[in-house]
Amino acid sequence: MDKPRIHQYVLLILLGAIWGSSFFLIKITLETISPVTLTAFRLFLAFLVLSTLMLALGKRFPKDRRTWLRYLAIAVTGNIVPFILISWGELHIESGLAAILMSVVPLTALVVSHFWTDDEKMSLPKTMGTLVGFGGVILLVGPDALKGLGDSVLGQLAVAFASFCYGATSVYARKTGLVKLDPIVNGAAILLCASIMAIPMAFVLEDPLALDPTVRSVGALISLAVLSTAIAYIVLYYLLGMAGANFTALNNYLVPVFGMVWGFLFLSESYDTEAFVALAIILFGIIITQLGKKRRKILGDAALINGKTGE
């Protein structure tokens, strides 16, 4: 992969900002809406948004069976399973610990892409940068959050497995070539598959009609659907196609950072110097992962030229 451009860094930050708001939005939604119902209607509302946009722009769904089977696989591993696991897990663990567990995504993407792709192999800068970023997340959230690792093992495993699903699914989407298709079409199609499965699940496992959601929870659910799912999907699949799974997965280090930012802006929370040091470490880790790409590209181009001249 080529070195990401400035606008791709901007989109990475935007994705981190959007998903940074999702954890507290999930907490608010869960006040009066149960986890599977939350997941089902989050997916369905997001599908309505993206499909409307897709049709308005004159785009169409693909017709080949293989592409739809891949959409179906991503709907399960990248939507239904992790959405339900995270929603359920947040009923049992603190959001700070959830943020640390979710930051396993870049580590997962790094390892899976090494064995599953030809152009996103592990390297010293990638490995070091990923580990530095992970350390920054722990410092930002607070090492004390790790003390809760023994409190709710199932809740922690649920969020950790969800993070693995996200990382592996990102690599799968790129490996199968789905990221070469239009990101709006990809998002709408995957959300359609996920909605078709999740809505019946909600009525079988829970009783959505018996719920009495508050305006606050409904508003949070709509925000989750529009911002954290529909808009985020467009950005996600664009970055996967243009910058790769490893780079895109780094947004998970920015999620707790923006959790801090939103807390400062909307909840009047204050932070000490340690939080800003952690932010610097996270950003430094992201920068480290991109070192050496330009040099490798130059060497690769030189080898290609030499190969042609030697023919």
Protein backbone atom coordinates (compact mmCIF):
# COMPACT_ATOMS: atom_id res chain seq x y z
CA MET A 1 0.00 0.00 0.00
CA ASP A 2 1.13 3.56 -0.75
CA LYS A 3 1.58 6.05 2.06
CA PRO A 4 -1.84 7.55 3.00
CA ARG A 5 -2.52 11.09 1.84
CA ILE A 6 -3.54 14.05 3.97
CA HIS A 7 -7.27 13.73 3.25
CA GLN A 8 -7.14 10.07 4.28
CA TYR A 9 -5.68 11.06 7.64
CA VAL A 10 -8.52 13.57 7.96
CA LEU A 11 -11.07 10.84 7.21
CA LEU A 12 -9.38 8.52 9.71
CA ILE A 13 -9.76 11.20 12.38
CA LEU A 14 -13.38 11.77 11.32
CA LEU A 15 -14.11 8.04 11.65
CA GLY A 16 -12.53 8.00 15.10
CA ALA A 17 -14.64 11.03 16.07
CA ILE A 18 -17.86 9.40 14.88
CA TRP A 19 -17.19 6.06 16.55
CA GLY A 20 -15.86 7.83 19.63
CA SER A 21 -19.40 8.99 20.29
CA SER A 22 -20.95 5.53 19.82
CA PHE A 23 -20.10 4.12 23.25
CA PHE A 24 -21.95 6.74 25.24
CA LEU A 25 -24.79 6.71 22.67
CA ILE A 26 -25.09 2.96 23.22
CA LYS A 27 -25.16 3.52 26.98
CA ILE A 28 -28.00 6.04 26.58
CA THR A 29 -29.96 3.78 24.20
CA LEU A 30 -29.61 0.82 26.56
CA GLU A 31 -31.39 2.78 29.29
CA THR A 32 -34.75 1.75 27.81
CA ILE A 33 -33.96 -0.38 24.73
CA SER A 34 -32.58 -3.92 24.96
CA PRO A 35 -29.33 -4.97 23.15
CA VAL A 36 -30.67 -7.08 20.25
CA THR A 37 -33.50 -4.62 19.55
CA LEU A 38 -30.96 -1.79 19.60
CA THR A 39 -28.82 -3.66 17.08
CA ALA A 40 -31.73 -4.53 14.78
CA PHE A 41 -33.18 -1.04 14.52
CA ARG A 42 -29.77 0.60 14.36
CA LEU A 43 -28.98 -1.53 11.30
CA PHE A 44 -32.39 -1.03 9.70
CA LEU A 45 -32.45 2.76 10.12
CA ALA A 46 -28.90 2.97 8.77
CA PHE A 47 -29.96 0.86 5.77
CA LEU A 48 -32.84 3.27 5.05
CA VAL A 49 -30.44 6.21 5.08
CA LEU A 50 -27.82 4.63 2.81
CA SER A 51 -30.28 3.02 0.40
CA THR A 52 -32.10 6.35 -0.03
CA LEU A 53 -28.78 8.06 -0.74
CA MET A 54 -27.77 5.28 -3.12
CA LEU A 55 -30.98 5.52 -5.15
CA ALA A 56 -30.85 9.31 -5.17
CA LEU A 57 -27.37 9.14 -6.72
CA GLY A 58 -28.53 6.62 -9.33
CA LYS A 59 -26.44 3.76 -7.97
CA ARG A 60 -27.58 0.14 -8.08
CA PHE A 61 -26.94 -3.03 -6.13
CA PRO A 62 -24.64 -5.63 -7.76
CA LYS A 63 -26.38 -8.68 -9.21
CA ASP A 64 -23.79 -11.45 -8.92
CA ARG A 65 -24.30 -14.15 -6.30
CA ARG A 66 -20.67 -14.23 -5.09
CA THR A 67 -20.72 -10.55 -4.09
CA TRP A 68 -23.94 -11.01 -2.13
CA LEU A 69 -22.52 -14.04 -0.29
CA ARG A 70 -19.60 -11.84 0.76
CA TYR A 71 -22.00 -9.12 1.86
CA LEU A 72 -23.84 -11.74 3.90
CA ALA A 73 -20.64 -12.88 5.61
CA ILE A 74 -19.68 -9.30 6.52
CA ALA A 75 -23.22 -8.60 7.75
CA VAL A 76 -22.77 -11.41 10.29
CA THR A 77 -19.14 -10.94 11.35
CA GLY A 78 -18.90 -7.17 11.00
CA ASN A 79 -22.37 -6.10 12.13
CA ILE A 80 -24.74 -8.47 13.91
CA VAL A 81 -22.21 -10.37 16.06
CA PRO A 82 -20.05 -7.41 17.19
CA PHE A 83 -23.01 -5.00 17.61
CA ILE A 84 -24.85 -7.42 19.89
CA LEU A 85 -21.69 -8.39 21.79
CA ILE A 86 -20.69 -4.77 22.44
CA SER A 87 -24.21 -3.75 23.48
CA TRP A 88 -24.47 -6.74 25.82
CA GLY A 89 -20.92 -6.31 27.08
CA GLU A 90 -21.52 -2.67 28.01
CA LEU A 91 -24.25 -3.82 30.36
CA HIS A 92 -21.55 -5.55 32.41
CA ILE A 93 -18.31 -3.55 32.07
CA GLU A 94 -17.29 0.10 32.24
CA SER A 95 -16.92 2.08 29.01
CA GLY A 96 -13.23 2.75 29.77
CA LEU A 97 -12.41 -0.95 29.83
CA ALA A 98 -14.52 -1.42 26.68
CA ALA A 99 -12.40 1.22 24.93
CA ILE A 100 -9.21 -0.65 25.84
CA LEU A 101 -10.63 -3.96 24.64
CA MET A 102 -11.82 -2.39 21.37
CA SER A 103 -8.32 -1.05 20.72
CA VAL A 104 -7.32 -4.66 20.06
CA VAL A 105 -8.75 -4.14 16.53
CA PRO A 106 -5.52 -2.71 15.03
CA LEU A 107 -3.53 -5.58 16.55
CA THR A 108 -5.97 -8.08 15.03
CA ALA A 109 -5.88 -6.38 11.63
CA LEU A 110 -2.07 -6.30 11.71
CA VAL A 111 -1.74 -10.05 12.31
CA VAL A 112 -4.59 -11.21 10.07
CA SER A 113 -3.55 -9.01 7.12
CA HIS A 114 0.02 -10.30 7.39
CA PHE A 115 -1.09 -13.87 6.74
CA TRP A 116 -4.03 -13.10 4.46
CA THR A 117 -2.85 -10.32 2.12
CA ASP A 118 0.11 -9.74 -0.18
CA ASP A 119 0.62 -6.00 0.32
CA GLU A 120 -0.04 -5.42 4.04
CA LYS A 121 2.66 -7.49 5.68
CA MET A 122 3.87 -6.89 9.23
CA SER A 123 6.93 -4.69 9.54
CA LEU A 124 8.92 -3.28 12.43
CA PRO A 125 7.39 0.24 12.10
CA LYS A 126 3.85 -1.18 11.87
CA THR A 127 4.33 -3.46 14.85
CA MET A 128 6.05 -0.85 17.01
CA GLY A 129 3.54 1.87 16.09
CA THR A 130 0.59 -0.41 16.82
CA LEU A 131 1.97 -1.37 20.23
CA VAL A 132 2.78 2.26 21.06
CA GLY A 133 -0.78 3.27 20.14
CA PHE A 134 -2.20 0.50 22.30
CA GLY A 135 -0.07 1.67 25.22
CA GLY A 136 -1.34 5.21 24.68
CA VAL A 137 -4.95 4.00 24.90
CA ILE A 138 -4.24 2.29 28.23
CA LEU A 139 -2.60 5.46 29.56
CA LEU A 140 -5.48 7.62 28.31
CA VAL A 141 -8.22 5.48 29.83
CA GLY A 142 -6.15 4.91 32.95
CA PRO A 143 -4.26 1.78 33.99
CA ASP A 144 -6.75 1.41 36.86
CA ALA A 145 -9.34 0.32 34.28
CA LEU A 146 -7.32 -2.87 33.82
CA LYS A 147 -8.08 -3.78 37.43
CA GLY A 148 -11.59 -4.60 36.29
CA LEU A 149 -10.35 -7.41 34.06
CA GLY A 150 -11.49 -10.01 36.56
CA ASP A 151 -14.89 -8.52 37.37
CA SER A 152 -17.03 -9.62 34.44
CA VAL A 153 -15.16 -12.12 32.32
CA LEU A 154 -18.06 -12.78 29.93
CA GLY A 155 -18.66 -9.08 29.35
CA GLN A 156 -14.97 -8.56 28.62
CA LEU A 157 -14.77 -11.57 26.32
CA ALA A 158 -17.83 -10.29 24.44
CA VAL A 159 -16.21 -6.93 23.67
CA ALA A 160 -12.80 -8.50 22.96
CA PHE A 161 -14.32 -10.97 20.48
CA ALA A 162 -16.26 -8.11 18.86
CA SER A 163 -12.97 -6.27 18.33
CA PHE A 164 -11.49 -9.40 16.73
CA CYS A 165 -14.51 -9.59 14.41
CA TYR A 166 -14.01 -5.99 13.32
CA GLY A 167 -10.33 -6.46 12.58
CA ALA A 168 -10.75 -9.73 10.70
CA THR A 169 -13.76 -8.45 8.73
CA SER A 170 -11.85 -5.38 7.57
CA VAL A 171 -9.11 -7.59 6.16
CA TYR A 172 -11.69 -9.94 4.60
CA ALA A 173 -13.44 -7.04 2.83
CA ARG A 174 -10.17 -5.96 1.29
CA LYS A 175 -8.96 -9.50 0.52
CA THR A 176 -12.15 -10.33 -1.42
CA GLY A 177 -12.05 -7.08 -3.41
CA LEU A 178 -15.32 -5.66 -2.03
CA VAL A 179 -13.54 -2.41 -1.19
CA LYS A 180 -13.11 -1.77 -4.92
CA LEU A 181 -16.87 -1.33 -5.22
CA ASP A 182 -18.73 1.87 -4.36
CA PRO A 183 -18.64 2.43 -0.56
CA ILE A 184 -22.27 3.64 -0.49
CA VAL A 185 -23.45 0.52 -2.32
CA ASN A 186 -21.32 -1.70 -0.07
CA GLY A 187 -22.77 -0.12 3.05
CA ALA A 188 -26.39 -0.29 1.88
CA ALA A 189 -26.08 -3.91 0.74
CA ILE A 190 -24.38 -5.12 3.92
CA LEU A 191 -26.89 -3.29 6.11
CA LEU A 192 -29.75 -4.80 4.11
CA CYS A 193 -28.40 -8.32 4.76
CA ALA A 194 -27.80 -7.52 8.42
CA SER A 195 -31.28 -6.02 8.89
CA ILE A 196 -33.02 -9.02 7.34
CA MET A 197 -31.34 -11.26 9.92
CA ALA A 198 -31.32 -8.94 12.95
CA ILE A 199 -34.99 -7.84 12.98
CA PRO A 200 -36.40 -11.39 13.31
CA MET A 201 -33.74 -12.10 15.96
CA ALA A 202 -34.98 -9.13 17.99
CA PHE A 203 -38.56 -10.45 17.99
CA VAL A 204 -37.47 -14.00 18.82
CA LEU A 205 -34.98 -13.17 21.58
CA GLU A 206 -36.66 -10.06 22.97
CA ASP A 207 -40.00 -8.28 22.78
CA PRO A 208 -39.48 -4.90 21.05
CA LEU A 209 -43.20 -4.06 21.13
CA ALA A 210 -43.25 -4.34 24.93
CA LEU A 211 -40.51 -1.72 25.35
CA ASP A 212 -41.31 1.80 26.48
CA PRO A 213 -38.31 3.79 25.16
CA THR A 214 -37.72 7.36 26.21
CA VAL A 215 -37.20 10.21 23.76
CA ARG A 216 -33.59 10.33 24.98
CA SER A 217 -32.98 6.67 24.07
CA VAL A 218 -34.71 6.96 20.70
CA GLY A 219 -32.65 10.05 19.87
CA ALA A 220 -29.45 8.20 20.76
CA LEU A 221 -30.54 5.23 18.62
CA ILE A 222 -31.18 7.48 15.61
CA SER A 223 -27.77 9.10 16.09
CA LEU A 224 -26.18 5.65 16.23
CA ALA A 225 -27.91 4.66 12.99
CA VAL A 226 -27.21 7.81 10.99
CA LEU A 227 -23.79 8.89 12.25
CA SER A 228 -22.11 5.83 13.75
CA THR A 229 -23.38 3.39 11.12
CA ALA A 230 -24.54 4.93 7.82
CA ILE A 231 -22.05 7.79 7.50
CA ALA A 232 -19.29 5.80 9.18
CA TYR A 233 -19.75 2.99 6.64
CA ILE A 234 -19.11 5.31 3.71
CA VAL A 235 -15.88 6.54 5.28
CA LEU A 236 -14.87 3.05 6.39
CA TYR A 237 -15.14 1.37 3.00
CA TYR A 238 -13.49 4.28 1.23
CA LEU A 239 -10.48 4.06 3.56
CA LEU A 240 -10.30 0.26 3.32
CA GLY A 241 -10.12 0.53 -0.46
CA MET A 242 -7.68 3.44 -0.64
CA ALA A 243 -5.45 3.05 2.42
CA GLY A 244 -5.82 -0.58 3.54
CA ALA A 245 -7.06 -2.47 6.59
CA ASN A 246 -4.07 -1.76 8.84
CA PHE A 247 -4.29 2.01 8.43
CA THR A 248 -8.09 2.07 8.75
CA ALA A 249 -8.01 -0.05 11.92
CA LEU A 250 -5.92 2.66 13.62
CA ASN A 251 -9.13 4.70 14.05
CA ASN A 252 -9.82 2.47 17.07
CA TYR A 253 -6.98 4.23 18.90
CA LEU A 254 -8.72 7.55 18.23
CA VAL A 255 -12.08 6.33 19.60
CA PRO A 256 -11.18 6.80 23.29
CA VAL A 257 -9.44 10.07 22.42
CA PHE A 258 -12.68 11.46 21.06
CA GLY A 259 -14.53 9.98 23.99
CA MET A 260 -12.38 12.37 26.02
CA VAL A 261 -13.06 15.25 23.62
CA TRP A 262 -16.85 14.76 23.70
CA GLY A 263 -16.74 14.53 27.47
CA PHE A 264 -14.85 17.84 27.63
CA LEU A 265 -17.19 19.60 25.17
CA PHE A 266 -20.57 18.31 26.29
CA LEU A 267 -20.12 17.03 29.84
CA SER A 268 -17.69 19.68 31.12
CA GLU A 269 -15.23 16.97 32.09
CA SER A 270 -11.67 18.03 32.91
CA TYR A 271 -8.45 16.13 32.24
CA ASP A 272 -4.97 16.22 33.70
CA THR A 273 -1.65 16.41 31.88
CA GLU A 274 -1.45 12.61 31.67
CA ALA A 275 -4.41 12.52 29.27
CA PHE A 276 -2.71 14.88 26.83
CA VAL A 277 0.54 12.92 27.06
CA ALA A 278 -1.48 9.79 26.18
CA LEU A 279 -3.00 11.61 23.20
CA ALA A 280 0.49 12.51 21.95
CA ILE A 281 1.61 8.87 22.36
CA ILE A 282 -1.37 7.60 20.36
CA LEU A 283 -0.74 10.04 17.52
CA PHE A 284 2.97 9.18 17.60
CA GLY A 285 2.10 5.50 17.33
CA ILE A 286 -0.04 6.15 14.25
CA ILE A 287 2.80 8.09 12.64
CA ILE A 288 5.29 5.28 13.36
CA THR A 289 3.09 2.73 11.55
CA GLN A 290 3.42 4.74 8.35
CA LEU A 291 7.22 5.11 8.43
CA GLY A 292 9.14 3.38 5.70
CA LYS A 293 6.24 3.25 3.21
CA LYS A 294 7.65 5.96 0.97
CA ARG A 295 11.06 4.31 0.94
CA ARG A 296 9.56 0.90 0.11
CA LYS A 297 7.54 2.45 -2.72
CA ILE A 298 10.67 4.08 -4.17
CA LEU A 299 12.59 0.80 -3.95
CA GLY A 300 9.66 -1.06 -5.50
CA ASP A 301 9.42 1.41 -8.40
CA ALA A 302 13.18 1.19 -8.94
CA ALA A 303 13.03 -2.60 -9.04
CA LEU A 304 10.18 -2.45 -11.55
CA ILE A 305 12.14 -0.09 -13.80
CA ASN A 306 15.27 -2.22 -13.56
CA GLY A 307 13.23 -5.28 -14.37
CA LYS A 308 11.81 -3.69 -17.50
CA THR A 309 15.19 -2.40 -18.69
CA GLY A 310 16.66 -5.85 -18.15
CA GLU A 311 14.11 -7.54 -20.40
